Amino acid sequence: WFYQSGEFDTGRFGLRFLVFGIPSFFFVLGFLILEKSGIRKRSGMLVKWGDTSYSLYLFHPLILQGSIKFLEHVLPQNGFGLFLAIALSFLVLIFATWVIYEVVETRIITFGKRVAKGTL
């Protein structure tokens, strides 16, 4: 949002590094320090979304474009329709990437492990 709003000069050597890079560094560093000190909370849902992140990375452009193209023909062309399209596209994205992970990615991982062990 900050990047798109034009609030910051994000030119070639603008403030982007200061606005996004340094806070991101400290955010990740904080979690690494917590993990190193033995403080870990393993939420099943967070671990599952971490597992599905590769599917999300690979398929999000296709899923979002497809859902938005479909929804623009179904929903009204006003502010509420836009809000609804974004919300529904997000839900479709989350569900679809979870399904892709469960149906495709886990089978590929299992197959790869069997090949690595030589038990194919």
Protein backbone atom coordinates (compact mmCIF):
# COMPACT_ATOMS: atom_id res chain seq x y z
CA TRP A 1 0.00 0.00 0.00
CA PHE A 2 2.79 2.40 0.88
CA TYR A 3 4.58 1.58 -2.34
CA GLN A 4 1.50 2.15 -4.51
CA SER A 5 0.31 5.26 -2.68
CA GLY A 6 3.32 7.30 -3.73
CA GLU A 7 3.91 8.44 -0.15
CA PHE A 8 7.58 7.47 -0.42
CA ASP A 9 10.15 8.15 -3.07
CA THR A 10 10.91 4.65 -4.28
CA GLY A 11 13.21 5.70 -7.08
CA ARG A 12 16.32 3.78 -7.92
CA PHE A 13 17.97 4.60 -4.59
CA GLY A 14 14.90 5.92 -2.76
CA LEU A 15 13.55 5.16 0.68
CA ARG A 16 12.27 1.71 -0.22
CA PHE A 17 15.16 0.00 1.56
CA LEU A 18 14.56 2.08 4.69
CA VAL A 19 10.78 1.69 4.66
CA PHE A 20 10.60 -2.03 3.84
CA GLY A 21 14.06 -3.59 4.11
CA ILE A 22 15.15 -2.57 7.57
CA PRO A 23 11.82 -3.33 9.32
CA SER A 24 11.67 -6.69 7.51
CA PHE A 25 15.21 -7.47 8.67
CA PHE A 26 14.32 -6.79 12.31
CA PHE A 27 11.06 -8.73 12.02
CA VAL A 28 12.88 -11.85 10.79
CA LEU A 29 15.74 -11.31 13.24
CA GLY A 30 13.26 -11.19 16.13
CA PHE A 31 11.79 -14.56 15.20
CA LEU A 32 15.26 -16.06 14.79
CA ILE A 33 16.24 -14.82 18.26
CA LEU A 34 13.04 -16.28 19.73
CA GLU A 35 13.73 -19.62 18.07
CA LYS A 36 17.38 -19.64 19.20
CA SER A 37 16.28 -18.97 22.80
CA GLY A 38 13.95 -21.96 22.69
CA ILE A 39 10.70 -20.03 22.46
CA ARG A 40 8.72 -21.71 19.72
CA LYS A 41 5.03 -21.99 19.19
CA ARG A 42 4.12 -24.45 16.53
CA SER A 43 0.60 -23.72 15.44
CA GLY A 44 -0.72 -26.47 13.20
CA MET A 45 -2.49 -23.98 10.97
CA LEU A 46 0.59 -21.77 10.58
CA VAL A 47 2.78 -24.78 9.76
CA LYS A 48 0.23 -25.93 7.17
CA TRP A 49 0.20 -22.48 5.52
CA GLY A 50 3.98 -22.52 5.52
CA ASP A 51 3.81 -25.85 3.70
CA THR A 52 1.37 -24.50 1.13
CA SER A 53 3.38 -21.33 0.49
CA TYR A 54 5.20 -22.78 -2.52
CA SER A 55 1.90 -23.65 -4.20
CA LEU A 56 0.71 -20.15 -3.42
CA TYR A 57 3.87 -18.68 -4.93
CA LEU A 58 3.54 -20.75 -8.11
CA PHE A 59 -0.18 -20.50 -8.78
CA HIS A 60 -1.33 -17.15 -7.36
CA PRO A 61 -1.18 -15.25 -10.69
CA LEU A 62 -3.30 -17.82 -12.51
CA ILE A 63 -5.82 -18.24 -9.71
CA LEU A 64 -6.24 -14.53 -9.06
CA GLN A 65 -6.57 -13.62 -12.74
CA GLY A 66 -9.06 -16.40 -13.35
CA SER A 67 -11.21 -15.61 -10.34
CA ILE A 68 -11.23 -11.87 -11.03
CA LYS A 69 -12.12 -12.39 -14.70
CA PHE A 70 -14.99 -14.63 -13.67
CA LEU A 71 -16.21 -12.34 -10.89
CA GLU A 72 -16.19 -9.21 -13.04
CA HIS A 73 -18.98 -10.78 -15.11
CA VAL A 74 -20.97 -11.82 -12.04
CA LEU A 75 -20.62 -8.92 -9.60
CA PRO A 76 -21.82 -5.33 -10.00
CA GLN A 77 -19.31 -2.84 -11.41
CA ASN A 78 -19.13 -0.48 -8.43
CA GLY A 79 -17.12 -0.06 -5.24
CA PHE A 80 -18.97 -2.80 -3.40
CA GLY A 81 -18.51 -5.18 -6.33
CA LEU A 82 -14.78 -4.45 -6.35
CA PHE A 83 -14.52 -5.08 -2.61
CA LEU A 84 -16.47 -8.32 -2.97
CA ALA A 85 -14.32 -9.40 -5.92
CA ILE A 86 -11.13 -8.86 -3.92
CA ALA A 87 -12.48 -10.69 -0.87
CA LEU A 88 -13.83 -13.64 -2.86
CA SER A 89 -10.67 -13.85 -4.96
CA PHE A 90 -8.61 -14.04 -1.79
CA LEU A 91 -10.79 -16.86 -0.43
CA VAL A 92 -10.61 -18.72 -3.75
CA LEU A 93 -6.82 -18.27 -3.74
CA ILE A 94 -6.43 -19.67 -0.23
CA PHE A 95 -8.70 -22.64 -0.91
CA ALA A 96 -7.22 -23.43 -4.33
CA THR A 97 -3.61 -23.34 -3.15
CA TRP A 98 -4.48 -25.60 -0.22
CA VAL A 99 -6.10 -28.09 -2.62
CA ILE A 100 -3.11 -27.92 -4.98
CA TYR A 101 -0.78 -28.58 -2.07
CA GLU A 102 -2.82 -31.50 -0.74
CA VAL A 103 -3.54 -33.13 -4.11
CA VAL A 104 -0.44 -32.39 -6.17
CA GLU A 105 2.49 -31.20 -4.08
CA THR A 106 2.26 -33.83 -1.32
CA ARG A 107 2.20 -36.61 -3.95
CA ILE A 108 5.24 -35.15 -5.70
CA ILE A 109 7.07 -34.91 -2.36
CA THR A 110 6.18 -38.51 -1.49
CA PHE A 111 7.30 -39.69 -4.93
CA GLY A 112 10.58 -37.77 -4.59
CA LYS A 113 11.26 -39.31 -1.18
CA ARG A 114 10.64 -42.80 -2.59
CA VAL A 115 13.01 -42.14 -5.49
CA ALA A 116 15.66 -40.81 -3.09
CA LYS A 117 15.38 -43.91 -0.90
CA GLY A 118 15.41 -46.17 -3.94
CA THR A 119 12.11 -47.83 -3.01
CA LEU A 120 10.33 -47.03 -6.22
